């Protein structure tokens, strides 16, 4: 068990999970637009590492759908038009407040708060992510919260800026910190590049990656074994 000055958490699919079914949400977006279904939630997740930085949630999903259109072998109109229509439908159907704690998350967060400074580092905009935190009742549970804000120079993980902001906010060094997240690309790669220990949470998805975490967590209950 290591002693850390700062314990950092990702939000989506780490501390919380959506109560909306990903497959049903995507299927409904296709039905609403009349666009033939050409991708799955897994295809969307696989495309994220290739996306350019977005300034807003809408721009992120436009980039995302444009990318999966470009990867498909189906031809049904201009990529930008299809991406825009799907984005409109998806955002109308998606409810950022439809979230719940992942199993063990509430206890893991409280455990961390009793042992070290606690930071939130999330690849999401302040407005949307704050709505999730309020739903969960943990808006004030962190010593520092870092959201994606490209206009302020805070680009999404795995960029260094979010980690640097979090460490500066709690007065910790990379050697004295650990970051807990579910994404090999964003969380593990970003933390590793900063010299921060990384803990990868198993969320039941097969995501091969060259990025190796310091620890692998089968669940958030296992956090107590490493910090």
C-alpha atoms as a PDB file:
ATOM      1  CA  UNK A   1       0.000   0.000   0.000  1.00  0.00           C
ATOM      2  CA  UNK A   2       1.424   3.357  -1.060  1.00  0.00           C
ATOM      3  CA  UNK A   3       0.941   6.680   0.688  1.00  0.00           C
ATOM      4  CA  UNK A   4      -0.081   9.544  -1.610  1.00  0.00           C
ATOM      5  CA  UNK A   5      -0.523  13.257  -1.051  1.00  0.00           C
ATOM      6  CA  UNK A   6      -3.167  13.451  -3.788  1.00  0.00           C
ATOM      7  CA  UNK A   7      -5.687  10.968  -5.170  1.00  0.00           C
ATOM      8  CA  UNK A   8      -7.204  12.031  -8.502  1.00  0.00           C
ATOM      9  CA  UNK A   9     -10.366  10.605 -10.022  1.00  0.00           C
ATOM     10  CA  UNK A  10     -11.904  10.564 -13.475  1.00  0.00           C
ATOM     11  CA  UNK A  11     -15.701  11.019 -13.466  1.00  0.00           C
ATOM     12  CA  UNK A  12     -17.502   9.279 -16.349  1.00  0.00           C
ATOM     13  CA  UNK A  13     -17.432   5.467 -16.107  1.00  0.00           C
ATOM     14  CA  UNK A  14     -15.156   5.763 -13.070  1.00  0.00           C
ATOM     15  CA  UNK A  15     -17.056   7.439 -10.243  1.00  0.00           C
ATOM     16  CA  UNK A  16     -20.369   7.408 -12.088  1.00  0.00           C
ATOM     17  CA  UNK A  17     -22.182   5.647 -14.889  1.00  0.00           C
ATOM     18  CA  UNK A  18     -25.145   6.638 -17.014  1.00  0.00           C
ATOM     19  CA  UNK A  19     -28.524   5.128 -16.303  1.00  0.00           C
ATOM     20  CA  UNK A  20     -29.348   5.495 -19.997  1.00  0.00           C
ATOM     21  CA  UNK A  21     -28.474   2.429 -22.029  1.00  0.00           C
ATOM     22  CA  UNK A  22     -25.814   3.366 -24.596  1.00  0.00           C
ATOM     23  CA  UNK A  23     -27.176   1.057 -27.281  1.00  0.00           C
ATOM     24  CA  UNK A  24     -30.771   2.192 -26.814  1.00  0.00           C
ATOM     25  CA  UNK A  25     -29.728   5.860 -26.846  1.00  0.00           C
ATOM     26  CA  UNK A  26     -27.796   5.457 -30.080  1.00  0.00           C
ATOM     27  CA  UNK A  27     -30.559   3.378 -31.697  1.00  0.00           C
ATOM     28  CA  UNK A  28     -33.073   6.080 -30.803  1.00  0.00           C
ATOM     29  CA  UNK A  29     -30.883   8.765 -32.373  1.00  0.00           C
ATOM     30  CA  UNK A  30     -30.734   6.819 -35.620  1.00  0.00           C
ATOM     31  CA  UNK A  31     -34.491   6.223 -35.549  1.00  0.00           C
ATOM     32  CA  UNK A  32     -35.171   9.917 -34.956  1.00  0.00           C
ATOM     33  CA  UNK A  33     -33.041  11.028 -37.913  1.00  0.00           C
ATOM     34  CA  UNK A  34     -33.908   8.211 -40.309  1.00  0.00           C
ATOM     35  CA  UNK A  35     -30.203   7.650 -40.931  1.00  0.00           C
ATOM     36  CA  UNK A  36     -29.378   3.949 -41.437  1.00  0.00           C
ATOM     37  CA  UNK A  37     -27.546   2.586 -38.420  1.00  0.00           C
ATOM     38  CA  UNK A  38     -23.861   2.284 -39.208  1.00  0.00           C
ATOM     39  CA  UNK A  39     -22.126   2.094 -35.814  1.00  0.00           C
ATOM     40  CA  UNK A  40     -22.367   0.810 -32.261  1.00  0.00           C
ATOM     41  CA  UNK A  41     -21.428   2.357 -28.906  1.00  0.00           C
ATOM     42  CA  UNK A  42     -18.172   0.419 -29.120  1.00  0.00           C
ATOM     43  CA  UNK A  43     -17.417   2.109 -32.458  1.00  0.00           C
ATOM     44  CA  UNK A  44     -17.993   5.509 -30.868  1.00  0.00           C
ATOM     45  CA  UNK A  45     -15.635   4.738 -27.988  1.00  0.00           C
ATOM     46  CA  UNK A  46     -12.991   3.454 -30.385  1.00  0.00           C
ATOM     47  CA  UNK A  47     -13.094   6.702 -32.375  1.00  0.00           C
ATOM     48  CA  UNK A  48     -12.538   9.047 -29.414  1.00  0.00           C
ATOM     49  CA  UNK A  49      -8.696   8.911 -29.382  1.00  0.00           C
ATOM     50  CA  UNK A  50      -8.650  10.160 -32.988  1.00  0.00           C
ATOM     51  CA  UNK A  51     -10.800  13.246 -32.429  1.00  0.00           C
ATOM     52  CA  UNK A  52      -9.584  16.843 -32.477  1.00  0.00           C
ATOM     53  CA  UNK A  53     -10.122  18.927 -29.359  1.00  0.00           C
ATOM     54  CA  UNK A  54     -13.682  20.265 -29.096  1.00  0.00           C
ATOM     55  CA  UNK A  55     -14.711  23.491 -27.372  1.00  0.00           C
ATOM     56  CA  UNK A  56     -18.276  22.343 -26.604  1.00  0.00           C
ATOM     57  CA  UNK A  57     -20.233  19.123 -26.085  1.00  0.00           C
ATOM     58  CA  UNK A  58     -21.960  19.682 -29.409  1.00  0.00           C
ATOM     59  CA  UNK A  59     -18.678  20.075 -31.260  1.00  0.00           C
ATOM     60  CA  UNK A  60     -17.353  16.912 -29.598  1.00  0.00           C
ATOM     61  CA  UNK A  61     -20.280  14.828 -30.829  1.00  0.00           C
ATOM     62  CA  UNK A  62     -20.117  16.355 -34.302  1.00  0.00           C
ATOM     63  CA  UNK A  63     -16.456  15.333 -34.468  1.00  0.00           C
ATOM     64  CA  UNK A  64     -17.344  11.908 -33.110  1.00  0.00           C
ATOM     65  CA  UNK A  65     -20.124  11.120 -35.552  1.00  0.00           C
ATOM     66  CA  UNK A  66     -18.132  12.537 -38.468  1.00  0.00           C
ATOM     67  CA  UNK A  67     -15.275  10.212 -37.559  1.00  0.00           C
ATOM     68  CA  UNK A  68     -17.423   7.090 -37.384  1.00  0.00           C
ATOM     69  CA  UNK A  69     -19.097   8.044 -40.668  1.00  0.00           C
ATOM     70  CA  UNK A  70     -15.664   8.271 -42.286  1.00  0.00           C
ATOM     71  CA  UNK A  71     -14.798   4.813 -40.940  1.00  0.00           C
ATOM     72  CA  UNK A  72     -17.968   3.184 -42.274  1.00  0.00           C
ATOM     73  CA  UNK A  73     -18.515   1.759 -45.749  1.00  0.00           C
ATOM     74  CA  UNK A  74     -22.051   3.134 -45.982  1.00  0.00           C
ATOM     75  CA  UNK A  75     -22.736   6.120 -48.224  1.00  0.00           C
ATOM     76  CA  UNK A  76     -25.810   8.211 -47.471  1.00  0.00           C
ATOM     77  CA  UNK A  77     -24.915  11.852 -47.905  1.00  0.00           C
ATOM     78  CA  UNK A  78     -22.394  14.437 -46.826  1.00  0.00           C
ATOM     79  CA  UNK A  79     -20.457  13.439 -43.722  1.00  0.00           C
ATOM     80  CA  UNK A  80     -20.938  16.801 -42.038  1.00  0.00           C
ATOM     81  CA  UNK A  81     -24.708  16.757 -42.635  1.00  0.00           C
ATOM     82  CA  UNK A  82     -25.127  13.251 -41.228  1.00  0.00           C
ATOM     83  CA  UNK A  83     -22.932  14.097 -38.244  1.00  0.00           C
ATOM     84  CA  UNK A  84     -24.922  17.244 -37.523  1.00  0.00           C
ATOM     85  CA  UNK A  85     -28.289  15.469 -37.706  1.00  0.00           C
ATOM     86  CA  UNK A  86     -27.138  12.663 -35.429  1.00  0.00           C
ATOM     87  CA  UNK A  87     -25.640  15.145 -32.993  1.00  0.00           C
ATOM     88  CA  UNK A  88     -28.934  17.046 -32.762  1.00  0.00           C
ATOM     89  CA  UNK A  89     -30.875  13.859 -32.072  1.00  0.00           C
ATOM     90  CA  UNK A  90     -28.324  12.386 -29.678  1.00  0.00           C
ATOM     91  CA  UNK A  91     -28.091  15.519 -27.545  1.00  0.00           C
ATOM     92  CA  UNK A  92     -31.887  15.861 -27.425  1.00  0.00           C
ATOM     93  CA  UNK A  93     -32.143  12.310 -26.090  1.00  0.00           C
ATOM     94  CA  UNK A  94     -29.124  12.334 -23.798  1.00  0.00           C
ATOM     95  CA  UNK A  95     -29.680  13.395 -20.185  1.00  0.00           C
ATOM     96  CA  UNK A  96     -26.474  14.377 -18.329  1.00  0.00           C
ATOM     97  CA  UNK A  97     -28.287  14.091 -14.988  1.00  0.00           C
ATOM     98  CA  UNK A  98     -29.223  10.436 -15.610  1.00  0.00           C
ATOM     99  CA  UNK A  99     -26.241   9.119 -13.649  1.00  0.00           C
ATOM    100  CA  UNK A 100     -25.576   6.988 -10.597  1.00  0.00           C
ATOM    101  CA  UNK A 101     -22.508   6.007  -8.636  1.00  0.00           C
ATOM    102  CA  UNK A 102     -20.546   3.057  -9.948  1.00  0.00           C
ATOM    103  CA  UNK A 103     -20.466   0.204  -7.412  1.00  0.00           C
ATOM    104  CA  UNK A 104     -18.115   1.157  -4.596  1.00  0.00           C
ATOM    105  CA  UNK A 105     -17.541   4.692  -5.869  1.00  0.00           C
ATOM    106  CA  UNK A 106     -19.126   6.598  -3.011  1.00  0.00           C
ATOM    107  CA  UNK A 107     -17.174   4.632  -0.401  1.00  0.00           C
ATOM    108  CA  UNK A 108     -13.928   4.883  -2.409  1.00  0.00           C
ATOM    109  CA  UNK A 109     -14.276   8.649  -2.661  1.00  0.00           C
ATOM    110  CA  UNK A 110     -14.894   8.984   1.072  1.00  0.00           C
ATOM    111  CA  UNK A 111     -11.943   6.701   1.812  1.00  0.00           C
ATOM    112  CA  UNK A 112      -9.703   8.825  -0.411  1.00  0.00           C
ATOM    113  CA  UNK A 113     -10.883  12.052   1.236  1.00  0.00           C
ATOM    114  CA  UNK A 114      -9.828  10.671   4.613  1.00  0.00           C
ATOM    115  CA  UNK A 115      -6.333   9.846   3.392  1.00  0.00           C
ATOM    116  CA  UNK A 116      -5.203  12.621   1.031  1.00  0.00           C
ATOM    117  CA  UNK A 117      -6.190  15.643  -1.012  1.00  0.00           C
ATOM    118  CA  UNK A 118      -8.700  14.654  -3.670  1.00  0.00           C
ATOM    119  CA  UNK A 119      -8.942  16.013  -7.215  1.00  0.00           C
ATOM    120  CA  UNK A 120     -11.391  15.514 -10.051  1.00  0.00           C
ATOM    121  CA  UNK A 121      -9.918  15.436 -13.572  1.00  0.00           C
ATOM    122  CA  UNK A 122     -12.639  14.957 -16.166  1.00  0.00           C
ATOM    123  CA  UNK A 123     -12.774  15.136 -19.952  1.00  0.00           C
ATOM    124  CA  UNK A 124     -15.953  17.132 -19.989  1.00  0.00           C
ATOM    125  CA  UNK A 125     -17.103  20.726 -19.886  1.00  0.00           C
ATOM    126  CA  UNK A 126     -17.831  22.477 -16.612  1.00  0.00           C
ATOM    127  CA  UNK A 127     -21.583  22.915 -17.168  1.00  0.00           C
ATOM    128  CA  UNK A 128     -22.390  19.327 -18.127  1.00  0.00           C
ATOM    129  CA  UNK A 129     -20.088  17.694 -15.602  1.00  0.00           C
ATOM    130  CA  UNK A 130     -21.246  19.921 -12.747  1.00  0.00           C
ATOM    131  CA  UNK A 131     -24.827  18.792 -13.386  1.00  0.00           C
ATOM    132  CA  UNK A 132     -23.656  15.201 -12.903  1.00  0.00           C
ATOM    133  CA  UNK A 133     -21.808  16.074  -9.696  1.00  0.00           C
ATOM    134  CA  UNK A 134     -24.901  17.793  -8.306  1.00  0.00           C
ATOM    135  CA  UNK A 135     -27.067  14.783  -9.132  1.00  0.00           C
ATOM    136  CA  UNK A 136     -24.635  12.584  -7.221  1.00  0.00           C
ATOM    137  CA  UNK A 137     -24.332  15.051  -4.363  1.00  0.00           C
ATOM    138  CA  UNK A 138     -20.545  15.384  -4.658  1.00  0.00           C
ATOM    139  CA  UNK A 139     -20.146  18.835  -6.167  1.00  0.00           C
ATOM    140  CA  UNK A 140     -18.122  19.913  -3.113  1.00  0.00           C
ATOM    141  CA  UNK A 141     -16.365  16.596  -2.474  1.00  0.00           C
ATOM    142  CA  UNK A 142     -13.092  17.568  -4.175  1.00  0.00           C
ATOM    143  CA  UNK A 143     -10.278  19.874  -3.165  1.00  0.00           C
ATOM    144  CA  UNK A 144      -9.924  20.848  -6.817  1.00  0.00           C
ATOM    145  CA  UNK A 145     -11.983  20.127  -9.934  1.00  0.00           C
ATOM    146  CA  UNK A 146     -10.478  20.289 -13.422  1.00  0.00           C
ATOM    147  CA  UNK A 147     -12.776  20.358 -16.444  1.00  0.00           C
ATOM    148  CA  UNK A 148     -11.943  20.459 -20.147  1.00  0.00           C
ATOM    149  CA  UNK A 149     -11.720  24.132 -21.153  1.00  0.00           C
ATOM    150  CA  UNK A 150      -9.734  24.531 -24.394  1.00  0.00           C
ATOM    151  CA  UNK A 151     -10.283  28.304 -24.388  1.00  0.00           C
ATOM    152  CA  UNK A 152      -8.437  28.416 -21.059  1.00  0.00           C
ATOM    153  CA  UNK A 153      -5.672  26.120 -22.285  1.00  0.00           C
ATOM    154  CA  UNK A 154      -7.044  23.018 -20.556  1.00  0.00           C
ATOM    155  CA  UNK A 155      -7.200  20.341 -23.237  1.00  0.00           C
ATOM    156  CA  UNK A 156      -8.618  16.888 -22.536  1.00  0.00           C
ATOM    157  CA  UNK A 157      -6.615  14.035 -21.115  1.00  0.00           C
ATOM    158  CA  UNK A 158      -4.129  12.605 -22.060  1.00  0.00           C
ATOM    159  CA  UNK A 159      -2.809  16.167 -22.434  1.00  0.00           C
ATOM    160  CA  UNK A 160      -0.699  17.304 -19.509  1.00  0.00           C
ATOM    161  CA  UNK A 161      -2.674  20.470 -18.660  1.00  0.00           C
ATOM    162  CA  UNK A 162      -5.496  18.843 -16.639  1.00  0.00           C
ATOM    163  CA  UNK A 163      -3.040  16.896 -14.520  1.00  0.00           C
ATOM    164  CA  UNK A 164      -0.829  19.939 -14.003  1.00  0.00           C
ATOM    165  CA  UNK A 165      -3.829  22.017 -12.898  1.00  0.00           C
ATOM    166  CA  UNK A 166      -4.946  19.354 -10.464  1.00  0.00           C
ATOM    167  CA  UNK A 167      -1.534  18.899  -8.883  1.00  0.00           C
ATOM    168  CA  UNK A 168      -1.016  22.646  -8.588  1.00  0.00           C
ATOM    169  CA  UNK A 169      -4.438  22.995  -6.991  1.00  0.00           C
ATOM    170  CA  UNK A 170      -3.622  20.562  -4.193  1.00  0.00           C
ATOM    171  CA  UNK A 171       0.093  21.356  -3.936  1.00  0.00           C
ATOM    172  CA  UNK A 172       1.244  17.849  -4.837  1.00  0.00           C
ATOM    173  CA  UNK A 173       4.078  16.504  -6.985  1.00  0.00           C
ATOM    174  CA  UNK A 174       3.623  13.825  -9.657  1.00  0.00           C
ATOM    175  CA  UNK A 175       5.552  11.401  -7.465  1.00  0.00           C
ATOM    176  CA  UNK A 176       3.075  11.971  -4.653  1.00  0.00           C
ATOM    177  CA  UNK A 177      -0.080  11.438  -6.692  1.00  0.00           C
ATOM    178  CA  UNK A 178      -2.176   8.669  -8.192  1.00  0.00           C
ATOM    179  CA  UNK A 179      -4.895   8.953 -10.840  1.00  0.00           C
ATOM    180  CA  UNK A 180      -7.847   6.544 -11.018  1.00  0.00           C
ATOM    181  CA  UNK A 181      -9.719   6.174 -14.302  1.00  0.00           C
ATOM    182  CA  UNK A 182     -11.268   3.780 -16.800  1.00  0.00           C
ATOM    183  CA  UNK A 183      -9.540   4.833 -20.036  1.00  0.00           C
ATOM    184  CA  UNK A 184      -6.123   3.474 -21.065  1.00  0.00           C
ATOM    185  CA  UNK A 185      -5.826   6.296 -23.607  1.00  0.00           C
ATOM    186  CA  UNK A 186      -6.932   9.271 -21.526  1.00  0.00           C
ATOM    187  CA  UNK A 187      -6.300   8.280 -17.933  1.00  0.00           C
ATOM    188  CA  UNK A 188      -3.409   5.825 -17.981  1.00  0.00           C
ATOM    189  CA  UNK A 189      -1.421   7.402 -20.816  1.00  0.00           C
ATOM    190  CA  UNK A 190      -1.941  10.896 -19.432  1.00  0.00           C
ATOM    191  CA  UNK A 191      -0.926   9.998 -15.890  1.00  0.00           C
ATOM    192  CA  UNK A 192       2.025   7.881 -17.004  1.00  0.00           C
ATOM    193  CA  UNK A 193       3.392  10.707 -19.146  1.00  0.00           C
ATOM    194  CA  UNK A 194       3.309  12.993 -16.121  1.00  0.00           C
ATOM    195  CA  UNK A 195       5.059  10.515 -13.845  1.00  0.00           C
ATOM    196  CA  UNK A 196       1.848  10.024 -11.852  1.00  0.00           C
ATOM    197  CA  UNK A 197       0.929   6.506 -10.731  1.00  0.00           C
ATOM    198  CA  UNK A 198      -2.129   5.236 -12.601  1.00  0.00           C
ATOM    199  CA  UNK A 199      -4.912   2.878 -11.524  1.00  0.00           C
ATOM    200  CA  UNK A 200      -7.031   1.464 -14.344  1.00  0.00           C
ATOM    201  CA  UNK A 201     -10.573   0.494 -13.377  1.00  0.00           C
ATOM    202  CA  UNK A 202     -12.024  -2.552 -15.120  1.00  0.00           C
ATOM    203  CA  UNK A 203     -15.438  -1.514 -16.464  1.00  0.00           C
ATOM    204  CA  UNK A 204     -16.037  -4.718 -18.408  1.00  0.00           C
ATOM    205  CA  UNK A 205     -14.837  -3.602 -21.823  1.00  0.00           C
ATOM    206  CA  UNK A 206     -12.099  -5.163 -23.893  1.00  0.00           C
ATOM    207  CA  UNK A 207      -9.820  -2.237 -24.745  1.00  0.00           C
ATOM    208  CA  UNK A 208      -6.373  -3.418 -25.843  1.00  0.00           C
ATOM    209  CA  UNK A 209      -3.735  -0.776 -25.221  1.00  0.00           C
ATOM    210  CA  UNK A 210       0.001  -0.306 -25.131  1.00  0.00           C
ATOM    211  CA  UNK A 211      -0.387   1.885 -22.038  1.00  0.00           C
ATOM    212  CA  UNK A 212       0.287  -0.054 -18.856  1.00  0.00           C
ATOM    213  CA  UNK A 213      -1.151   1.191 -15.562  1.00  0.00           C
ATOM    214  CA  UNK A 214       0.687   1.072 -12.273  1.00  0.00           C
ATOM    215  CA  UNK A 215      -2.288  -0.820 -10.829  1.00  0.00           C
ATOM    216  CA  UNK A 216      -5.318  -2.593 -12.222  1.00  0.00           C
ATOM    217  CA  UNK A 217      -8.521  -2.395 -10.184  1.00  0.00           C
ATOM    218  CA  UNK A 218     -11.237  -5.031 -10.647  1.00  0.00           C
ATOM    219  CA  UNK A 219     -13.569  -2.639  -8.832  1.00  0.00           C
ATOM    220  CA  UNK A 220     -13.407   0.573  -6.815  1.00  0.00           C
ATOM    221  CA  UNK A 221     -13.622  -1.489  -3.641  1.00  0.00           C
ATOM    222  CA  UNK A 222     -10.043  -2.526  -4.415  1.00  0.00           C
ATOM    223  CA  UNK A 223      -8.775   1.054  -4.058  1.00  0.00           C
ATOM    224  CA  UNK A 224      -8.177   0.477  -0.353  1.00  0.00           C
ATOM    225  CA  UNK A 225      -5.584  -2.167  -1.224  1.00  0.00           C
ATOM    226  CA  UNK A 226      -3.288   0.283  -2.999  1.00  0.00           C
ATOM    227  CA  UNK A 227      -3.608   3.640  -1.206  1.00  0.00           C
END
